[in-house]
PDB file of N, CA and C in Angstrom:
ATOM      1  N   MET A   1      -6.080  27.033  -5.467  1.00  0.00           N
ATOM      2  CA  MET A   1      -6.890  26.473  -4.408  1.00  0.00           C
ATOM      3  C   MET A   1      -6.054  26.168  -3.177  1.00  0.00           C
ATOM      4  N   SER A   2      -4.827  25.664  -3.377  1.00  0.00           N
ATOM      5  CA  SER A   2      -4.016  25.275  -2.226  1.00  0.00           C
ATOM      6  C   SER A   2      -3.540  26.482  -1.416  1.00  0.00           C
ATOM      7  N   GLU A   3      -3.518  27.695  -2.013  1.00  0.00           N
ATOM      8  CA  GLU A   3      -3.112  28.869  -1.255  1.00  0.00           C
ATOM      9  C   GLU A   3      -4.169  29.261  -0.227  1.00  0.00           C
ATOM     10  N   SER A   4      -5.430  28.908  -0.494  1.00  0.00           N
ATOM     11  CA  SER A   4      -6.495  29.299   0.428  1.00  0.00           C
ATOM     12  C   SER A   4      -6.626  28.352   1.614  1.00  0.00           C
ATOM     13  N   LEU A   5      -6.035  27.146   1.532  1.00  0.00           N
ATOM     14  CA  LEU A   5      -6.096  26.184   2.630  1.00  0.00           C
ATOM     15  C   LEU A   5      -4.891  26.333   3.550  1.00  0.00           C
ATOM     16  N   ASP A   6      -5.106  26.101   4.808  1.00  0.00           N
ATOM     17  CA  ASP A   6      -4.027  26.119   5.789  1.00  0.00           C
ATOM     18  C   ASP A   6      -3.078  24.944   5.489  1.00  0.00           C
ATOM     19  N   PRO A   7      -1.768  25.155   5.549  1.00  0.00           N
ATOM     20  CA  PRO A   7      -0.831  24.058   5.232  1.00  0.00           C
ATOM     21  C   PRO A   7      -1.014  22.823   6.111  1.00  0.00           C
ATOM     22  N   ILE A   8      -1.418  22.991   7.360  1.00  0.00           N
ATOM     23  CA  ILE A   8      -1.629  21.837   8.229  1.00  0.00           C
ATOM     24  C   ILE A   8      -2.804  21.001   7.729  1.00  0.00           C
ATOM     25  N   VAL A   9      -3.888  21.685   7.341  1.00  0.00           N
ATOM     26  CA  VAL A   9      -5.063  20.979   6.815  1.00  0.00           C
ATOM     27  C   VAL A   9      -4.713  20.286   5.511  1.00  0.00           C
ATOM     28  N   LEU A  10      -3.929  20.954   4.682  1.00  0.00           N
ATOM     29  CA  LEU A  10      -3.527  20.373   3.407  1.00  0.00           C
ATOM     30  C   LEU A  10      -2.653  19.138   3.616  1.00  0.00           C
ATOM     31  N   ASN A  11      -1.726  19.182   4.571  1.00  0.00           N
ATOM     32  CA  ASN A  11      -0.882  18.023   4.855  1.00  0.00           C
ATOM     33  C   ASN A  11      -1.692  16.864   5.426  1.00  0.00           C
ATOM     34  N   ILE A  12      -2.686  17.159   6.278  1.00  0.00           N
ATOM     35  CA  ILE A  12      -3.546  16.092   6.804  1.00  0.00           C
ATOM     36  C   ILE A  12      -4.350  15.472   5.672  1.00  0.00           C
ATOM     37  N   LEU A  13      -4.836  16.312   4.753  1.00  0.00           N
ATOM     38  CA  LEU A  13      -5.573  15.801   3.593  1.00  0.00           C
ATOM     39  C   LEU A  13      -4.686  14.916   2.727  1.00  0.00           C
ATOM     40  N   TYR A  14      -3.435  15.332   2.502  1.00  0.00           N
ATOM     41  CA  TYR A  14      -2.490  14.513   1.748  1.00  0.00           C
ATOM     42  C   TYR A  14      -2.228  13.180   2.461  1.00  0.00           C
ATOM     43  N   ALA A  15      -2.082  13.205   3.775  1.00  0.00           N
ATOM     44  CA  ALA A  15      -1.800  11.988   4.533  1.00  0.00           C
ATOM     45  C   ALA A  15      -2.975  11.015   4.470  1.00  0.00           C
ATOM     46  N   VAL A  16      -4.192  11.532   4.613  1.00  0.00           N
ATOM     47  CA  VAL A  16      -5.371  10.666   4.556  1.00  0.00           C
ATOM     48  C   VAL A  16      -5.543  10.083   3.154  1.00  0.00           C
ATOM     49  N   THR A  17      -5.376  10.920   2.147  1.00  0.00           N
ATOM     50  CA  THR A  17      -5.484  10.438   0.769  1.00  0.00           C
ATOM     51  C   THR A  17      -4.389   9.420   0.460  1.00  0.00           C
ATOM     52  N   GLY A  18      -3.174   9.697   0.906  1.00  0.00           N
ATOM     53  CA  GLY A  18      -2.066   8.770   0.670  1.00  0.00           C
ATOM     54  C   GLY A  18      -2.266   7.446   1.391  1.00  0.00           C
ATOM     55  N   GLY A  19      -2.747   7.493   2.626  1.00  0.00           N
ATOM     56  CA  GLY A  19      -3.011   6.256   3.361  1.00  0.00           C
ATOM     57  C   GLY A  19      -4.085   5.424   2.708  1.00  0.00           C
ATOM     58  N   THR A  20      -5.142   6.089   2.244  1.00  0.00           N
ATOM     59  CA  THR A  20      -6.220   5.371   1.559  1.00  0.00           C
ATOM     60  C   THR A  20      -5.726   4.744   0.264  1.00  0.00           C
ATOM     61  N   LEU A  21      -4.973   5.497  -0.508  1.00  0.00           N
ATOM     62  CA  LEU A  21      -4.425   4.960  -1.754  1.00  0.00           C
ATOM     63  C   LEU A  21      -3.475   3.798  -1.486  1.00  0.00           C
ATOM     64  N   THR A  22      -2.662   3.918  -0.452  1.00  0.00           N
ATOM     65  CA  THR A  22      -1.730   2.842  -0.116  1.00  0.00           C
ATOM     66  C   THR A  22      -2.470   1.566   0.240  1.00  0.00           C
ATOM     67  N   LEU A  23      -3.493   1.669   1.080  1.00  0.00           N
ATOM     68  CA  LEU A  23      -4.275   0.485   1.434  1.00  0.00           C
ATOM     69  C   LEU A  23      -4.974  -0.111   0.223  1.00  0.00           C
ATOM     70  N   LEU A  24      -5.508   0.745  -0.642  1.00  0.00           N
ATOM     71  CA  LEU A  24      -6.190   0.267  -1.847  1.00  0.00           C
ATOM     72  C   LEU A  24      -5.222  -0.480  -2.767  1.00  0.00           C
ATOM     73  N   PHE A  25      -4.046   0.096  -2.985  1.00  0.00           N
ATOM     74  CA  PHE A  25      -3.086  -0.546  -3.876  1.00  0.00           C
ATOM     75  C   PHE A  25      -2.496  -1.815  -3.259  1.00  0.00           C
ATOM     76  N   MET A  26      -2.344  -1.865  -1.940  1.00  0.00           N
ATOM     77  CA  MET A  26      -1.867  -3.093  -1.299  1.00  0.00           C
ATOM     78  C   MET A  26      -2.903  -4.205  -1.449  1.00  0.00           C
ATOM     79  N   TRP A  27      -4.170  -3.882  -1.253  1.00  0.00           N
ATOM     80  CA  TRP A  27      -5.234  -4.871  -1.429  1.00  0.00           C
ATOM     81  C   TRP A  27      -5.278  -5.345  -2.878  1.00  0.00           C
ATOM     82  N   LEU A  28      -5.194  -4.400  -3.828  1.00  0.00           N
ATOM     83  CA  LEU A  28      -5.224  -4.752  -5.237  1.00  0.00           C
ATOM     84  C   LEU A  28      -4.006  -5.585  -5.633  1.00  0.00           C
ATOM     85  N   GLY A  29      -2.835  -5.217  -5.136  1.00  0.00           N
ATOM     86  CA  GLY A  29      -1.628  -5.982  -5.436  1.00  0.00           C
ATOM     87  C   GLY A  29      -1.701  -7.401  -4.899  1.00  0.00           C
ATOM     88  N   CYS A  30      -2.254  -7.559  -3.702  1.00  0.00           N
ATOM     89  CA  CYS A  30      -2.402  -8.897  -3.122  1.00  0.00           C
ATOM     90  C   CYS A  30      -3.376  -9.731  -3.939  1.00  0.00           C
ATOM     91  N   LYS A  31      -4.489  -9.146  -4.351  1.00  0.00           N
ATOM     92  CA  LYS A  31      -5.483  -9.863  -5.153  1.00  0.00           C
ATOM     93  C   LYS A  31      -4.918 -10.265  -6.511  1.00  0.00           C
ATOM     94  N   LEU A  32      -4.215  -9.344  -7.163  1.00  0.00           N
ATOM     95  CA  LEU A  32      -3.633  -9.656  -8.469  1.00  0.00           C
ATOM     96  C   LEU A  32      -2.557 -10.734  -8.360  1.00  0.00           C
ATOM     97  N   PHE A  33      -1.722 -10.632  -7.336  1.00  0.00           N
ATOM     98  CA  PHE A  33      -0.669 -11.632  -7.158  1.00  0.00           C
ATOM     99  C   PHE A  33      -1.254 -12.996  -6.827  1.00  0.00           C
ATOM    100  N   ASN A  34      -2.381 -12.998  -6.097  1.00  0.00           N
ATOM    101  CA  ASN A  34      -3.035 -14.256  -5.748  1.00  0.00           C
ATOM    102  C   ASN A  34      -3.531 -14.972  -7.003  1.00  0.00           C
ATOM    103  N   HIS A  35      -3.900 -14.208  -8.034  1.00  0.00           N
ATOM    104  CA  HIS A  35      -4.342 -14.824  -9.290  1.00  0.00           C
ATOM    105  C   HIS A  35      -3.174 -15.309 -10.142  1.00  0.00           C
ATOM    106  N   MET A  36      -1.975 -14.771  -9.912  1.00  0.00           N
ATOM    107  CA  MET A  36      -0.820 -15.145 -10.728  1.00  0.00           C
ATOM    108  C   MET A  36      -0.104 -16.397 -10.221  1.00  0.00           C
ATOM    109  N   VAL A  37      -0.194 -16.682  -8.930  1.00  0.00           N
ATOM    110  CA  VAL A  37       0.517 -17.834  -8.379  1.00  0.00           C
ATOM    111  C   VAL A  37      -0.392 -19.060  -8.385  1.00  0.00           C
ATOM    112  N   CYS A  38       0.200 -20.226  -8.246  1.00  0.00           N
ATOM    113  CA  CYS A  38      -0.563 -21.468  -8.345  1.00  0.00           C
ATOM    114  C   CYS A  38      -1.053 -21.965  -6.977  1.00  0.00           C
ATOM    115  N   PHE A  39      -1.088 -21.107  -5.976  1.00  0.00           N
ATOM    116  CA  PHE A  39      -1.592 -21.486  -4.657  1.00  0.00           C
ATOM    117  C   PHE A  39      -2.416 -20.331  -4.100  1.00  0.00           C
ATOM    118  N   ASP A  40      -3.228 -20.617  -3.095  1.00  0.00           N
ATOM    119  CA  ASP A  40      -4.043 -19.593  -2.461  1.00  0.00           C
ATOM    120  C   ASP A  40      -3.278 -19.010  -1.277  1.00  0.00           C
ATOM    121  N   ILE A  41      -3.073 -17.705  -1.304  1.00  0.00           N
ATOM    122  CA  ILE A  41      -2.263 -17.049  -0.282  1.00  0.00           C
ATOM    123  C   ILE A  41      -2.881 -17.196   1.104  1.00  0.00           C
ATOM    124  N   SER A  42      -4.179 -16.973   1.219  1.00  0.00           N
ATOM    125  CA  SER A  42      -4.809 -17.031   2.543  1.00  0.00           C
ATOM    126  C   SER A  42      -4.778 -18.441   3.116  1.00  0.00           C
ATOM    127  N   THR A  43      -4.926 -19.475   2.280  1.00  0.00           N
ATOM    128  CA  THR A  43      -4.847 -20.855   2.759  1.00  0.00           C
ATOM    129  C   THR A  43      -3.446 -21.188   3.253  1.00  0.00           C
ATOM    130  N   GLU A  44      -2.454 -20.752   2.509  1.00  0.00           N
ATOM    131  CA  GLU A  44      -1.070 -21.024   2.900  1.00  0.00           C
ATOM    132  C   GLU A  44      -0.691 -20.271   4.179  1.00  0.00           C
ATOM    133  N   LEU A  45      -1.199 -19.058   4.347  1.00  0.00           N
ATOM    134  CA  LEU A  45      -0.935 -18.327   5.581  1.00  0.00           C
ATOM    135  C   LEU A  45      -1.611 -18.996   6.769  1.00  0.00           C
ATOM    136  N   ALA A  46      -2.808 -19.539   6.545  1.00  0.00           N
ATOM    137  CA  ALA A  46      -3.508 -20.239   7.626  1.00  0.00           C
ATOM    138  C   ALA A  46      -2.761 -21.504   8.038  1.00  0.00           C
ATOM    139  N   LYS A  47      -2.057 -22.123   7.088  1.00  0.00           N
ATOM    140  CA  LYS A  47      -1.257 -23.312   7.391  1.00  0.00           C
ATOM    141  C   LYS A  47       0.035 -22.945   8.122  1.00  0.00           C
ATOM    142  N   GLY A  48       0.393 -21.677   8.128  1.00  0.00           N
ATOM    143  CA  GLY A  48       1.619 -21.247   8.797  1.00  0.00           C
ATOM    144  C   GLY A  48       2.829 -21.224   7.891  1.00  0.00           C
ATOM    145  N   ASN A  49       2.617 -21.105   6.589  1.00  0.00           N
ATOM    146  CA  ASN A  49       3.713 -21.068   5.629  1.00  0.00           C
ATOM    147  C   ASN A  49       4.438 -19.720   5.739  1.00  0.00           C
ATOM    148  N   ILE A  50       5.630 -19.746   6.300  1.00  0.00           N
ATOM    149  CA  ILE A  50       6.386 -18.524   6.552  1.00  0.00           C
ATOM    150  C   ILE A  50       6.881 -17.897   5.250  1.00  0.00           C
ATOM    151  N   ALA A  51       7.189 -18.708   4.258  1.00  0.00           N
ATOM    152  CA  ALA A  51       7.675 -18.174   2.985  1.00  0.00           C
ATOM    153  C   ALA A  51       6.616 -17.310   2.311  1.00  0.00           C
ATOM    154  N   VAL A  52       5.362 -17.728   2.372  1.00  0.00           N
ATOM    155  CA  VAL A  52       4.285 -16.929   1.790  1.00  0.00           C
ATOM    156  C   VAL A  52       4.113 -15.636   2.575  1.00  0.00           C
ATOM    157  N   GLY A  53       4.247 -15.696   3.889  1.00  0.00           N
ATOM    158  CA  GLY A  53       4.153 -14.488   4.701  1.00  0.00           C
ATOM    159  C   GLY A  53       5.246 -13.491   4.372  1.00  0.00           C
ATOM    160  N   ILE A  54       6.463 -13.978   4.183  1.00  0.00           N
ATOM    161  CA  ILE A  54       7.577 -13.097   3.829  1.00  0.00           C
ATOM    162  C   ILE A  54       7.373 -12.510   2.436  1.00  0.00           C
ATOM    163  N   MET A  55       6.846 -13.325   1.508  1.00  0.00           N
ATOM    164  CA  MET A  55       6.567 -12.840   0.159  1.00  0.00           C
ATOM    165  C   MET A  55       5.505 -11.738   0.201  1.00  0.00           C
ATOM    166  N   LEU A  56       4.465 -11.940   0.977  1.00  0.00           N
ATOM    167  CA  LEU A  56       3.402 -10.946   1.100  1.00  0.00           C
ATOM    168  C   LEU A  56       3.914  -9.676   1.770  1.00  0.00           C
ATOM    169  N   MET A  57       4.777  -9.826   2.748  1.00  0.00           N
ATOM    170  CA  MET A  57       5.378  -8.671   3.399  1.00  0.00           C
ATOM    171  C   MET A  57       6.193  -7.858   2.388  1.00  0.00           C
ATOM    172  N   GLY A  58       6.909  -8.539   1.522  1.00  0.00           N
ATOM    173  CA  GLY A  58       7.683  -7.853   0.490  1.00  0.00           C
ATOM    174  C   GLY A  58       6.807  -7.069  -0.467  1.00  0.00           C
ATOM    175  N   ILE A  59       5.664  -7.645  -0.821  1.00  0.00           N
ATOM    176  CA  ILE A  59       4.723  -6.928  -1.679  1.00  0.00           C
ATOM    177  C   ILE A  59       4.240  -5.660  -0.990  1.00  0.00           C
ATOM    178  N   PHE A  60       3.847  -5.789   0.278  1.00  0.00           N
ATOM    179  CA  PHE A  60       3.325  -4.643   1.012  1.00  0.00           C
ATOM    180  C   PHE A  60       4.389  -3.569   1.217  1.00  0.00           C
ATOM    181  N   VAL A  61       5.603  -3.964   1.538  1.00  0.00           N
ATOM    182  CA  VAL A  61       6.680  -2.987   1.738  1.00  0.00           C
ATOM    183  C   VAL A  61       7.009  -2.288   0.424  1.00  0.00           C
ATOM    184  N   GLY A  62       7.042  -3.041  -0.671  1.00  0.00           N
ATOM    185  CA  GLY A  62       7.342  -2.447  -1.971  1.00  0.00           C
ATOM    186  C   GLY A  62       6.297  -1.449  -2.423  1.00  0.00           C
ATOM    187  N   ILE A  63       5.035  -1.835  -2.316  1.00  0.00           N
ATOM    188  CA  ILE A  63       3.960  -0.925  -2.721  1.00  0.00           C
ATOM    189  C   ILE A  63       3.919   0.286  -1.800  1.00  0.00           C
ATOM    190  N   GLY A  64       4.078   0.055  -0.500  1.00  0.00           N
ATOM    191  CA  GLY A  64       4.052   1.169   0.450  1.00  0.00           C
ATOM    192  C   GLY A  64       5.195   2.139   0.242  1.00  0.00           C
ATOM    193  N   THR A  65       6.375   1.625  -0.045  1.00  0.00           N
ATOM    194  CA  THR A  65       7.523   2.492  -0.299  1.00  0.00           C
ATOM    195  C   THR A  65       7.322   3.296  -1.577  1.00  0.00           C
ATOM    196  N   GLY A  66       6.867   2.621  -2.611  1.00  0.00           N
ATOM    197  CA  GLY A  66       6.635   3.319  -3.878  1.00  0.00           C
ATOM    198  C   GLY A  66       5.607   4.431  -3.772  1.00  0.00           C
ATOM    199  N   LEU A  67       4.484   4.123  -3.164  1.00  0.00           N
ATOM    200  CA  LEU A  67       3.459   5.153  -3.011  1.00  0.00           C
ATOM    201  C   LEU A  67       3.895   6.242  -2.023  1.00  0.00           C
ATOM    202  N   GLY A  68       4.634   5.862  -0.993  1.00  0.00           N
ATOM    203  CA  GLY A  68       5.131   6.862  -0.054  1.00  0.00           C
ATOM    204  C   GLY A  68       6.063   7.848  -0.718  1.00  0.00           C
ATOM    205  N   LEU A  69       6.904   7.364  -1.612  1.00  0.00           N
ATOM    206  CA  LEU A  69       7.799   8.272  -2.340  1.00  0.00           C
ATOM    207  C   LEU A  69       7.034   9.189  -3.276  1.00  0.00           C
ATOM    208  N   VAL A  70       6.034   8.636  -3.960  1.00  0.00           N
ATOM    209  CA  VAL A  70       5.242   9.453  -4.876  1.00  0.00           C
ATOM    210  C   VAL A  70       4.491  10.536  -4.123  1.00  0.00           C
ATOM    211  N   ILE A  71       3.865  10.158  -3.027  1.00  0.00           N
ATOM    212  CA  ILE A  71       3.096  11.132  -2.246  1.00  0.00           C
ATOM    213  C   ILE A  71       4.034  12.138  -1.579  1.00  0.00           C
ATOM    214  N   GLY A  72       5.151  11.651  -1.040  1.00  0.00           N
ATOM    215  CA  GLY A  72       6.104  12.540  -0.379  1.00  0.00           C
ATOM    216  C   GLY A  72       6.721  13.548  -1.330  1.00  0.00           C
ATOM    217  N   LEU A  73       7.033  13.111  -2.526  1.00  0.00           N
ATOM    218  CA  LEU A  73       7.606  14.046  -3.495  1.00  0.00           C
ATOM    219  C   LEU A  73       6.551  15.008  -4.036  1.00  0.00           C
ATOM    220  N   GLY A  74       5.279  14.625  -3.932  1.00  0.00           N
ATOM    221  CA  GLY A  74       4.205  15.510  -4.383  1.00  0.00           C
ATOM    222  C   GLY A  74       3.928  16.649  -3.420  1.00  0.00           C
ATOM    223  N   LEU A  75       4.491  16.596  -2.212  1.00  0.00           N
ATOM    224  CA  LEU A  75       4.252  17.655  -1.223  1.00  0.00           C
ATOM    225  C   LEU A  75       5.095  18.892  -1.479  1.00  0.00           C
ATOM    226  N   ASN A  76       6.078  18.803  -2.357  1.00  0.00           N
ATOM    227  CA  ASN A  76       6.968  19.962  -2.614  1.00  0.00           C
ATOM    228  C   ASN A  76       6.260  21.059  -3.312  1.00  0.00           C
TER     229      ASN A  76
END
């Protein structure tokens, strides 16, 4: 099937699928982590808690890097 598609269209399809999966897994990771900790992430961010913001940034960077590597290596 991939031989019949133009490589540019196939790469755009991979990018859109990868972006959607990344956003989905980041949302899911945030929700799951929110259930594991003893505080509410959104409440603490509204209070201006920088430590929670840095922790959330780490989650997003980790999930994004992991999925980016998986998707990037799948393009070969």
